[in-house]
Amino acid sequence: MHALKDEFALTRMASLLHVSKSGYYAWRQRQSAGPSPRGAAQRARDVKVAKVFNDSHQTYGAPRVAAQLAREGSPADPKTVAASMLRQGIEGISPRKFTPVTMIQGVDTYHLPDRVRRQWDQGTLDKVWISDITYLRINEGWLYLCAVRDGCSRRVLGWALDSVQNTDLVERALRMARTLRGQIPGQVVFHADRGSQFTSAQLHEVAVELDLLQSVGRTGVCWDNAMSESFWSTLKTEFYDRYRWATRADAKQKVAWWIEDFYNRRRRLHSSLGMVPPVEFEQKLRGQQERVEQHRTVLTLAA
């Protein structure tokens, strides 16, 4: 009506549109008065929500956006954030339904036990490391990714990419993780599935050299390594499957960036970690443990 008011009578347009002239005048008055404080606050929140969403490479849903806003000093209820995202037509990435995949069992030379029994998070860093291999499709062919993660912080400690899937791939990822951690008090349980890459004599020798206790899940029971499957789902759904990859070299570079820069240091993880990235979670946990040790020392000296 406002755009056509110079061409048609307001009375006629109001009648055809089944609205009142008074309603039109009230709307025009509101427009001239500018946005209400509530409307201005809503628009400002929408801008912040959109920025956090875009900074997450358009993957975060309302809970993680709300967690990041709180971290930036602009707390908002997840339902309020969800309404803002709906208003702007933006939506986080939802993981695909998990489909169990049975691995081909390798030669279980050393009759490895399951030392974890799905208790990957032992409450302390470097108690359990979990590992698995996934397939990435490239225009040039397949690319295989092996990752080693800490069961407590979920941080990727070591990773390796190659065009072949063998024990060398696992060894490279495992040695990278061991180099990152350095000296570790006590033995670490290294848990994986029963694929031949994890049950070979070569990996057994590497585990002995690095002072690791090997652990494997049961044959054909994918849930015994579910934490690794969850990580692959995140990587592929939020990142890898959204693009096309022409060369292995390009894929290696971008996957390395996603793991080290985004996932380990910026991505908001599960609520059990307090919605903080893995590296930050580790720093906080170590700080808490140091304070506990200092307190014990003081009590011992006082006694």
C-alpha atoms as a PDB file:
ATOM      1  CA  MET A   1       0.000   0.000   0.000  1.00  0.00           C
ATOM      2  CA  HIS A   2       2.771   2.398   0.894  1.00  0.00           C
ATOM      3  CA  ALA A   3       4.572   1.855  -2.423  1.00  0.00           C
ATOM      4  CA  LEU A   4       1.394   2.413  -4.435  1.00  0.00           C
ATOM      5  CA  LYS A   5      -0.243   5.165  -2.377  1.00  0.00           C
ATOM      6  CA  ASP A   6       0.517   7.800  -5.038  1.00  0.00           C
ATOM      7  CA  GLU A   7      -1.208   5.756  -7.747  1.00  0.00           C
ATOM      8  CA  PHE A   8      -4.267   4.337  -5.981  1.00  0.00           C
ATOM      9  CA  ALA A   9      -6.589   5.530  -3.279  1.00  0.00           C
ATOM     10  CA  LEU A  10      -5.819   4.128   0.180  1.00  0.00           C
ATOM     11  CA  THR A  11      -9.516   3.415   0.761  1.00  0.00           C
ATOM     12  CA  ARG A  12      -9.704   1.282  -2.382  1.00  0.00           C
ATOM     13  CA  MET A  13      -6.475  -0.656  -1.569  1.00  0.00           C
ATOM     14  CA  ALA A  14      -7.569  -1.259   2.010  1.00  0.00           C
ATOM     15  CA  SER A  15     -10.875  -2.658   0.801  1.00  0.00           C
ATOM     16  CA  LEU A  16      -9.251  -4.988  -1.725  1.00  0.00           C
ATOM     17  CA  LEU A  17      -6.670  -6.214   0.782  1.00  0.00           C
ATOM     18  CA  HIS A  18      -9.199  -6.548   3.622  1.00  0.00           C
ATOM     19  CA  VAL A  19      -7.232  -4.290   5.951  1.00  0.00           C
ATOM     20  CA  SER A  20      -8.037  -0.970   7.620  1.00  0.00           C
ATOM     21  CA  LYS A  21      -6.702   2.467   6.776  1.00  0.00           C
ATOM     22  CA  SER A  22      -6.025   3.038  10.467  1.00  0.00           C
ATOM     23  CA  GLY A  23      -3.806  -0.027  10.498  1.00  0.00           C
ATOM     24  CA  TYR A  24      -1.801   1.366   7.612  1.00  0.00           C
ATOM     25  CA  TYR A  25      -1.351   4.720   9.359  1.00  0.00           C
ATOM     26  CA  ALA A  26      -0.308   2.982  12.584  1.00  0.00           C
ATOM     27  CA  TRP A  27       2.278   0.958  10.651  1.00  0.00           C
ATOM     28  CA  ARG A  28       3.639   4.100   8.992  1.00  0.00           C
ATOM     29  CA  GLN A  29       3.959   5.803  12.365  1.00  0.00           C
ATOM     30  CA  ARG A  30       5.895   2.889  13.753  1.00  0.00           C
ATOM     31  CA  GLN A  31       8.207   2.959  10.758  1.00  0.00           C
ATOM     32  CA  SER A  32       8.934   6.646  11.164  1.00  0.00           C
ATOM     33  CA  ALA A  33       9.562   6.185  14.889  1.00  0.00           C
ATOM     34  CA  GLY A  34      12.363   3.700  14.160  1.00  0.00           C
ATOM     35  CA  PRO A  35      12.894   0.214  15.620  1.00  0.00           C
ATOM     36  CA  SER A  36      11.776  -0.551  19.144  1.00  0.00           C
ATOM     37  CA  PRO A  37      14.436  -1.361  21.785  1.00  0.00           C
ATOM     38  CA  ARG A  38      13.352  -5.004  21.618  1.00  0.00           C
ATOM     39  CA  GLY A  39      13.582  -5.059  17.818  1.00  0.00           C
ATOM     40  CA  ALA A  40      16.998  -3.399  17.884  1.00  0.00           C
ATOM     41  CA  ALA A  41      18.260  -5.941  20.435  1.00  0.00           C
ATOM     42  CA  GLN A  42      16.882  -8.766  18.308  1.00  0.00           C
ATOM     43  CA  ARG A  43      18.636  -7.498  15.185  1.00  0.00           C
ATOM     44  CA  ALA A  44      21.912  -7.084  17.089  1.00  0.00           C
ATOM     45  CA  ARG A  45      21.603 -10.652  18.368  1.00  0.00           C
ATOM     46  CA  ASP A  46      20.892 -11.931  14.861  1.00  0.00           C
ATOM     47  CA  VAL A  47      24.140 -10.353  13.651  1.00  0.00           C
ATOM     48  CA  LYS A  48      26.146 -12.042  16.425  1.00  0.00           C
ATOM     49  CA  VAL A  49      24.460 -15.396  15.844  1.00  0.00           C
ATOM     50  CA  ALA A  50      25.153 -15.214  12.102  1.00  0.00           C
ATOM     51  CA  LYS A  51      28.819 -14.357  12.729  1.00  0.00           C
ATOM     52  CA  VAL A  52      29.350 -17.319  15.085  1.00  0.00           C
ATOM     53  CA  PHE A  53      27.560 -19.601  12.632  1.00  0.00           C
ATOM     54  CA  ASN A  54      29.729 -18.458   9.716  1.00  0.00           C
ATOM     55  CA  ASP A  55      32.919 -18.672  11.811  1.00  0.00           C
ATOM     56  CA  SER A  56      32.072 -22.340  12.450  1.00  0.00           C
ATOM     57  CA  HIS A  57      32.023 -22.877   8.671  1.00  0.00           C
ATOM     58  CA  GLN A  58      28.221 -23.041   8.904  1.00  0.00           C
ATOM     59  CA  THR A  59      28.231 -26.199  11.037  1.00  0.00           C
ATOM     60  CA  TYR A  60      27.150 -25.152  14.550  1.00  0.00           C
ATOM     61  CA  GLY A  61      23.620 -25.699  15.784  1.00  0.00           C
ATOM     62  CA  ALA A  62      21.935 -23.577  18.457  1.00  0.00           C
ATOM     63  CA  PRO A  63      23.652 -25.186  21.528  1.00  0.00           C
ATOM     64  CA  ARG A  64      27.180 -24.572  20.216  1.00  0.00           C
ATOM     65  CA  VAL A  65      26.317 -21.084  18.940  1.00  0.00           C
ATOM     66  CA  ALA A  66      24.924 -20.265  22.397  1.00  0.00           C
ATOM     67  CA  ALA A  67      28.086 -21.621  24.043  1.00  0.00           C
ATOM     68  CA  GLN A  68      30.295 -19.462  21.828  1.00  0.00           C
ATOM     69  CA  LEU A  69      28.151 -16.346  22.454  1.00  0.00           C
ATOM     70  CA  ALA A  70      28.487 -16.901  26.204  1.00  0.00           C
ATOM     71  CA  ARG A  71      32.241 -17.215  25.772  1.00  0.00           C
ATOM     72  CA  GLU A  72      32.269 -13.879  23.917  1.00  0.00           C
ATOM     73  CA  GLY A  73      30.317 -12.138  26.676  1.00  0.00           C
ATOM     74  CA  SER A  74      26.893 -12.186  24.986  1.00  0.00           C
ATOM     75  CA  PRO A  75      25.015 -15.012  26.738  1.00  0.00           C
ATOM     76  CA  ALA A  76      21.768 -16.179  25.168  1.00  0.00           C
ATOM     77  CA  ASP A  77      19.468 -19.096  25.824  1.00  0.00           C
ATOM     78  CA  PRO A  78      19.798 -21.884  23.208  1.00  0.00           C
ATOM     79  CA  LYS A  79      16.071 -21.523  22.445  1.00  0.00           C
ATOM     80  CA  THR A  80      16.565 -17.806  21.753  1.00  0.00           C
ATOM     81  CA  VAL A  81      19.500 -18.660  19.489  1.00  0.00           C
ATOM     82  CA  ALA A  82      17.410 -21.319  17.736  1.00  0.00           C
ATOM     83  CA  ALA A  83      14.687 -18.736  17.073  1.00  0.00           C
ATOM     84  CA  SER A  84      17.281 -16.330  15.666  1.00  0.00           C
ATOM     85  CA  MET A  85      18.679 -19.003  13.352  1.00  0.00           C
ATOM     86  CA  LEU A  86      15.180 -19.930  12.190  1.00  0.00           C
ATOM     87  CA  ARG A  87      14.432 -16.274  11.528  1.00  0.00           C
ATOM     88  CA  GLN A  88      17.580 -15.962   9.403  1.00  0.00           C
ATOM     89  CA  GLY A  89      17.071 -19.257   7.595  1.00  0.00           C
ATOM     90  CA  ILE A  90      20.346 -20.784   8.816  1.00  0.00           C
ATOM     91  CA  GLU A  91      20.756 -24.322  10.141  1.00  0.00           C
ATOM     92  CA  GLY A  92      23.592 -26.332  11.641  1.00  0.00           C
ATOM     93  CA  ILE A  93      24.910 -29.554  10.179  1.00  0.00           C
ATOM     94  CA  SER A  94      23.200 -32.666  11.525  1.00  0.00           C
ATOM     95  CA  PRO A  95      25.136 -35.936  11.499  1.00  0.00           C
ATOM     96  CA  ARG A  96      23.874 -38.732   9.305  1.00  0.00           C
ATOM     97  CA  LYS A  97      22.371 -41.813  10.868  1.00  0.00           C
ATOM     98  CA  PHE A  98      25.177 -44.085  12.029  1.00  0.00           C
ATOM     99  CA  THR A  99      25.482 -47.272   9.988  1.00  0.00           C
ATOM    100  CA  PRO A 100      27.667 -49.943  11.587  1.00  0.00           C
ATOM    101  CA  VAL A 101      30.476 -51.231   9.392  1.00  0.00           C
ATOM    102  CA  THR A 102      32.099 -54.560  10.158  1.00  0.00           C
ATOM    103  CA  MET A 103      35.859 -54.498   9.650  1.00  0.00           C
ATOM    104  CA  ILE A 104      37.712 -57.458   8.189  1.00  0.00           C
ATOM    105  CA  GLN A 105      39.540 -59.017  11.097  1.00  0.00           C
ATOM    106  CA  GLY A 106      43.277 -59.273  10.863  1.00  0.00           C
ATOM    107  CA  VAL A 107      45.559 -61.937  12.279  1.00  0.00           C
ATOM    108  CA  ASP A 108      45.150 -61.653  16.038  1.00  0.00           C
ATOM    109  CA  THR A 109      48.687 -62.853  16.661  1.00  0.00           C
ATOM    110  CA  TYR A 110      48.907 -61.782  20.280  1.00  0.00           C
ATOM    111  CA  HIS A 111      45.314 -62.499  21.376  1.00  0.00           C
ATOM    112  CA  LEU A 112      44.795 -58.872  22.318  1.00  0.00           C
ATOM    113  CA  PRO A 113      42.168 -58.197  25.026  1.00  0.00           C
ATOM    114  CA  ASP A 114      39.616 -55.397  25.297  1.00  0.00           C
ATOM    115  CA  ARG A 115      41.126 -53.333  28.125  1.00  0.00           C
ATOM    116  CA  VAL A 116      38.663 -50.451  27.696  1.00  0.00           C
ATOM    117  CA  ARG A 117      35.175 -52.007  27.474  1.00  0.00           C
ATOM    118  CA  ARG A 118      33.733 -48.755  26.087  1.00  0.00           C
ATOM    119  CA  GLN A 119      35.059 -46.701  29.018  1.00  0.00           C
ATOM    120  CA  TRP A 120      37.188 -44.463  26.809  1.00  0.00           C
ATOM    121  CA  ASP A 121      37.105 -41.447  29.133  1.00  0.00           C
ATOM    122  CA  GLN A 122      38.981 -42.391  32.311  1.00  0.00           C
ATOM    123  CA  GLY A 123      38.843 -38.830  33.682  1.00  0.00           C
ATOM    124  CA  THR A 124      42.556 -38.238  33.061  1.00  0.00           C
ATOM    125  CA  LEU A 125      44.638 -37.463  30.008  1.00  0.00           C
ATOM    126  CA  ASP A 126      46.782 -40.171  28.432  1.00  0.00           C
ATOM    127  CA  LYS A 127      44.986 -43.091  30.018  1.00  0.00           C
ATOM    128  CA  VAL A 128      43.293 -44.286  26.822  1.00  0.00           C
ATOM    129  CA  TRP A 129      44.143 -43.438  23.231  1.00  0.00           C
ATOM    130  CA  ILE A 130      41.701 -44.545  20.544  1.00  0.00           C
ATOM    131  CA  SER A 131      42.374 -45.027  16.873  1.00  0.00           C
ATOM    132  CA  ASP A 132      40.738 -45.990  13.600  1.00  0.00           C
ATOM    133  CA  ILE A 133      41.103 -45.633   9.823  1.00  0.00           C
ATOM    134  CA  THR A 134      38.552 -44.082   7.472  1.00  0.00           C
ATOM    135  CA  TYR A 135      38.180 -43.786   3.703  1.00  0.00           C
ATOM    136  CA  LEU A 136      38.086 -40.442   1.871  1.00  0.00           C
ATOM    137  CA  ARG A 137      37.056 -40.340  -1.780  1.00  0.00           C
ATOM    138  CA  ILE A 138      39.196 -38.147  -4.041  1.00  0.00           C
ATOM    139  CA  ASN A 139      38.953 -37.672  -7.816  1.00  0.00           C
ATOM    140  CA  GLU A 140      42.365 -39.340  -8.043  1.00  0.00           C
ATOM    141  CA  GLY A 141      41.171 -42.356  -6.020  1.00  0.00           C
ATOM    142  CA  TRP A 142      40.990 -43.272  -2.333  1.00  0.00           C
ATOM    143  CA  LEU A 143      42.769 -41.497   0.500  1.00  0.00           C
ATOM    144  CA  TYR A 144      43.072 -43.189   3.891  1.00  0.00           C
ATOM    145  CA  LEU A 145      43.163 -41.281   7.167  1.00  0.00           C
ATOM    146  CA  CYS A 146      44.299 -42.740  10.485  1.00  0.00           C
ATOM    147  CA  ALA A 147      43.771 -40.687  13.652  1.00  0.00           C
ATOM    148  CA  VAL A 148      44.844 -41.216  17.266  1.00  0.00           C
ATOM    149  CA  ARG A 149      42.783 -39.357  19.881  1.00  0.00           C
ATOM    150  CA  ASP A 150      42.833 -38.964  23.642  1.00  0.00           C
ATOM    151  CA  GLY A 151      39.764 -40.630  25.158  1.00  0.00           C
ATOM    152  CA  CYS A 152      39.453 -37.938  27.832  1.00  0.00           C
ATOM    153  CA  SER A 153      39.900 -34.695  25.886  1.00  0.00           C
ATOM    154  CA  ARG A 154      38.927 -36.041  22.428  1.00  0.00           C
ATOM    155  CA  ARG A 155      41.949 -34.213  21.019  1.00  0.00           C
ATOM    156  CA  VAL A 156      43.538 -35.608  17.865  1.00  0.00           C
ATOM    157  CA  LEU A 157      47.087 -36.323  19.001  1.00  0.00           C
ATOM    158  CA  GLY A 158      48.395 -37.900  15.826  1.00  0.00           C
ATOM    159  CA  TRP A 159      47.188 -38.481  12.305  1.00  0.00           C
ATOM    160  CA  ALA A 160      48.449 -39.728   8.959  1.00  0.00           C
ATOM    161  CA  LEU A 161      47.138 -39.698   5.389  1.00  0.00           C
ATOM    162  CA  ASP A 162      48.175 -41.941   2.508  1.00  0.00           C
ATOM    163  CA  SER A 163      46.920 -43.614  -0.656  1.00  0.00           C
ATOM    164  CA  VAL A 164      47.486 -47.055   0.888  1.00  0.00           C
ATOM    165  CA  GLN A 165      45.954 -48.570   4.017  1.00  0.00           C
ATOM    166  CA  ASN A 166      48.525 -50.497   6.006  1.00  0.00           C
ATOM    167  CA  THR A 167      50.248 -50.659   9.380  1.00  0.00           C
ATOM    168  CA  ASP A 168      52.763 -48.003   8.295  1.00  0.00           C
ATOM    169  CA  LEU A 169      49.856 -45.539   8.259  1.00  0.00           C
ATOM    170  CA  VAL A 170      48.924 -46.410  11.848  1.00  0.00           C
ATOM    171  CA  GLU A 171      52.549 -46.330  12.988  1.00  0.00           C
ATOM    172  CA  ARG A 172      53.048 -42.800  11.619  1.00  0.00           C
ATOM    173  CA  ALA A 173      49.947 -41.519  13.412  1.00  0.00           C
ATOM    174  CA  LEU A 174      50.935 -43.280  16.643  1.00  0.00           C
ATOM    175  CA  ARG A 175      54.497 -41.948  16.613  1.00  0.00           C
ATOM    176  CA  MET A 176      53.150 -38.431  15.983  1.00  0.00           C
ATOM    177  CA  ALA A 177      50.919 -38.759  19.052  1.00  0.00           C
ATOM    178  CA  ARG A 178      53.801 -40.071  21.179  1.00  0.00           C
ATOM    179  CA  THR A 179      56.050 -37.193  20.068  1.00  0.00           C
ATOM    180  CA  LEU A 180      53.362 -34.641  20.954  1.00  0.00           C
ATOM    181  CA  ARG A 181      52.863 -36.053  24.457  1.00  0.00           C
ATOM    182  CA  GLY A 182      56.529 -36.672  25.271  1.00  0.00           C
ATOM    183  CA  GLN A 183      57.172 -38.357  28.601  1.00  0.00           C
ATOM    184  CA  ILE A 184      53.999 -39.937  30.008  1.00  0.00           C
ATOM    185  CA  PRO A 185      53.703 -41.233  33.577  1.00  0.00           C
ATOM    186  CA  GLY A 186      52.509 -44.828  33.347  1.00  0.00           C
ATOM    187  CA  GLN A 187      51.338 -46.836  30.372  1.00  0.00           C
ATOM    188  CA  VAL A 188      48.722 -45.695  27.891  1.00  0.00           C
ATOM    189  CA  VAL A 189      46.067 -48.105  26.621  1.00  0.00           C
ATOM    190  CA  PHE A 190      45.952 -47.943  22.826  1.00  0.00           C
ATOM    191  CA  HIS A 191      42.489 -49.088  21.706  1.00  0.00           C
ATOM    192  CA  ALA A 192      41.322 -49.854  18.151  1.00  0.00           C
ATOM    193  CA  ASP A 193      39.275 -52.404  16.213  1.00  0.00           C
ATOM    194  CA  ARG A 194      40.550 -55.799  15.065  1.00  0.00           C
ATOM    195  CA  GLY A 195      41.591 -54.665  11.601  1.00  0.00           C
ATOM    196  CA  SER A 196      44.801 -56.227  10.341  1.00  0.00           C
ATOM    197  CA  GLN A 197      46.577 -52.852  10.562  1.00  0.00           C
ATOM    198  CA  PHE A 198      46.085 -52.869  14.364  1.00  0.00           C
ATOM    199  CA  THR A 199      46.750 -56.550  15.066  1.00  0.00           C
ATOM    200  CA  SER A 200      49.924 -56.993  13.021  1.00  0.00           C
ATOM    201  CA  ALA A 201      53.308 -58.017  14.382  1.00  0.00           C
ATOM    202  CA  GLN A 202      54.696 -54.674  13.185  1.00  0.00           C
ATOM    203  CA  LEU A 203      52.313 -52.658  15.355  1.00  0.00           C
ATOM    204  CA  HIS A 204      52.916 -54.950  18.325  1.00  0.00           C
ATOM    205  CA  GLU A 205      56.627 -54.128  18.112  1.00  0.00           C
ATOM    206  CA  VAL A 206      55.848 -50.413  17.881  1.00  0.00           C
ATOM    207  CA  ALA A 207      53.549 -50.620  20.930  1.00  0.00           C
ATOM    208  CA  VAL A 208      56.257 -52.375  22.952  1.00  0.00           C
ATOM    209  CA  GLU A 209      58.820 -49.762  21.903  1.00  0.00           C
ATOM    210  CA  LEU A 210      56.517 -46.856  22.879  1.00  0.00           C
ATOM    211  CA  ASP A 211      55.376 -48.569  26.103  1.00  0.00           C
ATOM    212  CA  LEU A 212      51.722 -48.822  25.068  1.00  0.00           C
ATOM    213  CA  LEU A 213      49.198 -51.479  26.099  1.00  0.00           C
ATOM    214  CA  GLN A 214      47.254 -52.652  23.063  1.00  0.00           C
ATOM    215  CA  SER A 215      43.511 -53.149  23.283  1.00  0.00           C
ATOM    216  CA  VAL A 216      40.946 -54.172  20.669  1.00  0.00           C
ATOM    217  CA  GLY A 217      37.176 -54.452  20.569  1.00  0.00           C
ATOM    218  CA  ARG A 218      35.243 -57.585  19.754  1.00  0.00           C
ATOM    219  CA  THR A 219      34.941 -58.911  16.223  1.00  0.00           C
ATOM    220  CA  GLY A 220      32.139 -57.239  14.293  1.00  0.00           C
ATOM    221  CA  VAL A 221      30.992 -55.099  17.260  1.00  0.00           C
ATOM    222  CA  CYS A 222      31.374 -51.562  15.979  1.00  0.00           C
ATOM    223  CA  TRP A 223      30.153 -50.064  19.281  1.00  0.00           C
ATOM    224  CA  ASP A 224      33.421 -51.115  20.944  1.00  0.00           C
ATOM    225  CA  ASN A 225      35.103 -48.327  18.957  1.00  0.00           C
ATOM    226  CA  ALA A 226      32.133 -45.944  18.796  1.00  0.00           C
ATOM    227  CA  MET A 227      34.101 -42.857  19.850  1.00  0.00           C
ATOM    228  CA  SER A 228      36.230 -43.132  16.707  1.00  0.00           C
ATOM    229  CA  GLU A 229      33.122 -43.632  14.560  1.00  0.00           C
ATOM    230  CA  SER A 230      31.632 -40.476  16.090  1.00  0.00           C
ATOM    231  CA  PHE A 231      34.739 -38.496  15.119  1.00  0.00           C
ATOM    232  CA  TRP A 232      34.573 -39.724  11.524  1.00  0.00           C
ATOM    233  CA  SER A 233      30.923 -38.701  11.379  1.00  0.00           C
ATOM    234  CA  THR A 234      31.839 -35.188  12.531  1.00  0.00           C
ATOM    235  CA  LEU A 235      34.706 -34.839  10.070  1.00  0.00           C
ATOM    236  CA  LYS A 236      32.731 -36.043   7.080  1.00  0.00           C
ATOM    237  CA  THR A 237      29.357 -34.441   7.821  1.00  0.00           C
ATOM    238  CA  GLU A 238      30.611 -31.026   8.893  1.00  0.00           C
ATOM    239  CA  PHE A 239      33.568 -30.762   6.538  1.00  0.00           C
ATOM    240  CA  TYR A 240      34.665 -33.390   4.054  1.00  0.00           C
ATOM    241  CA  ASP A 241      31.393 -34.340   2.356  1.00  0.00           C
ATOM    242  CA  ARG A 242      30.515 -30.692   1.706  1.00  0.00           C
ATOM    243  CA  TYR A 243      33.254 -30.238  -0.905  1.00  0.00           C
ATOM    244  CA  ARG A 244      34.722 -31.945  -3.946  1.00  0.00           C
ATOM    245  CA  TRP A 245      38.377 -32.902  -3.847  1.00  0.00           C
ATOM    246  CA  ALA A 246      40.365 -32.967  -7.078  1.00  0.00           C
ATOM    247  CA  THR A 247      43.740 -34.140  -5.761  1.00  0.00           C
ATOM    248  CA  ARG A 248      45.088 -36.010  -2.773  1.00  0.00           C
ATOM    249  CA  ALA A 249      47.549 -33.162  -2.122  1.00  0.00           C
ATOM    250  CA  ASP A 250      44.717 -30.655  -1.734  1.00  0.00           C
ATOM    251  CA  ALA A 251      42.752 -33.007   0.505  1.00  0.00           C
ATOM    252  CA  LYS A 252      45.766 -33.661   2.742  1.00  0.00           C
ATOM    253  CA  GLN A 253      46.360 -29.943   3.219  1.00  0.00           C
ATOM    254  CA  LYS A 254      42.734 -29.134   4.034  1.00  0.00           C
ATOM    255  CA  VAL A 255      42.213 -32.131   6.344  1.00  0.00           C
ATOM    256  CA  ALA A 256      45.364 -31.187   8.265  1.00  0.00           C
ATOM    257  CA  TRP A 257      43.998 -27.651   8.683  1.00  0.00           C
ATOM    258  CA  TRP A 258      40.589 -28.918   9.862  1.00  0.00           C
ATOM    259  CA  ILE A 259      42.121 -31.241  12.444  1.00  0.00           C
ATOM    260  CA  GLU A 260      44.810 -29.003  13.899  1.00  0.00           C
ATOM    261  CA  ASP A 261      43.304 -25.531  13.585  1.00  0.00           C
ATOM    262  CA  PHE A 262      39.545 -25.990  13.708  1.00  0.00           C
ATOM    263  CA  TYR A 263      38.751 -29.262  15.506  1.00  0.00           C
ATOM    264  CA  ASN A 264      41.511 -29.272  18.125  1.00  0.00           C
ATOM    265  CA  ARG A 265      41.558 -25.555  18.866  1.00  0.00           C
ATOM    266  CA  ARG A 266      38.257 -23.940  17.911  1.00  0.00           C
ATOM    267  CA  ARG A 267      35.367 -26.376  17.551  1.00  0.00           C
ATOM    268  CA  ARG A 268      32.920 -26.596  20.445  1.00  0.00           C
ATOM    269  CA  LEU A 269      32.691 -30.246  21.446  1.00  0.00           C
ATOM    270  CA  HIS A 270      30.391 -32.319  23.621  1.00  0.00           C
ATOM    271  CA  SER A 271      28.774 -30.813  26.709  1.00  0.00           C
ATOM    272  CA  SER A 272      30.799 -33.236  28.842  1.00  0.00           C
ATOM    273  CA  LEU A 273      33.833 -31.080  27.985  1.00  0.00           C
ATOM    274  CA  GLY A 274      32.018 -27.895  28.948  1.00  0.00           C
ATOM    275  CA  MET A 275      31.567 -26.905  25.287  1.00  0.00           C
ATOM    276  CA  VAL A 276      35.238 -25.948  24.920  1.00  0.00           C
ATOM    277  CA  PRO A 277      37.763 -27.086  22.282  1.00  0.00           C
ATOM    278  CA  PRO A 278      39.986 -30.072  23.162  1.00  0.00           C
ATOM    279  CA  VAL A 279      43.222 -28.085  23.564  1.00  0.00           C
ATOM    280  CA  GLU A 280      41.556 -25.609  25.921  1.00  0.00           C
ATOM    281  CA  PHE A 281      39.957 -28.467  27.859  1.00  0.00           C
ATOM    282  CA  GLU A 282      43.369 -30.070  28.337  1.00  0.00           C
ATOM    283  CA  GLN A 283      44.853 -26.799  29.586  1.00  0.00           C
ATOM    284  CA  LYS A 284      42.071 -26.375  32.140  1.00  0.00           C
ATOM    285  CA  LEU A 285      42.302 -30.005  33.269  1.00  0.00           C
ATOM    286  CA  ARG A 286      46.065 -29.786  33.739  1.00  0.00           C
ATOM    287  CA  GLY A 287      45.624 -26.560  35.714  1.00  0.00           C
ATOM    288  CA  GLN A 288      43.112 -28.248  38.012  1.00  0.00           C
ATOM    289  CA  GLN A 289      45.392 -31.251  38.503  1.00  0.00           C
ATOM    290  CA  GLU A 290      48.363 -29.002  39.323  1.00  0.00           C
ATOM    291  CA  ARG A 291      46.323 -27.155  41.950  1.00  0.00           C
ATOM    292  CA  VAL A 292      45.256 -30.453  43.509  1.00  0.00           C
ATOM    293  CA  GLU A 293      48.877 -31.643  43.652  1.00  0.00           C
ATOM    294  CA  GLN A 294      49.990 -28.346  45.218  1.00  0.00           C
ATOM    295  CA  HIS A 295      47.250 -28.662  47.826  1.00  0.00           C
ATOM    296  CA  ARG A 296      48.350 -32.217  48.645  1.00  0.00           C
ATOM    297  CA  THR A 297      51.931 -31.071  48.987  1.00  0.00           C
ATOM    298  CA  VAL A 298      50.944 -28.302  51.398  1.00  0.00           C
ATOM    299  CA  LEU A 299      48.918 -30.749  53.499  1.00  0.00           C
ATOM    300  CA  THR A 300      51.815 -33.230  53.560  1.00  0.00           C
ATOM    301  CA  LEU A 301      54.296 -30.574  54.687  1.00  0.00           C
ATOM    302  CA  ALA A 302      51.849 -29.312  57.324  1.00  0.00           C
ATOM    303  CA  ALA A 303      51.451 -32.797  58.725  1.00  0.00           C
END
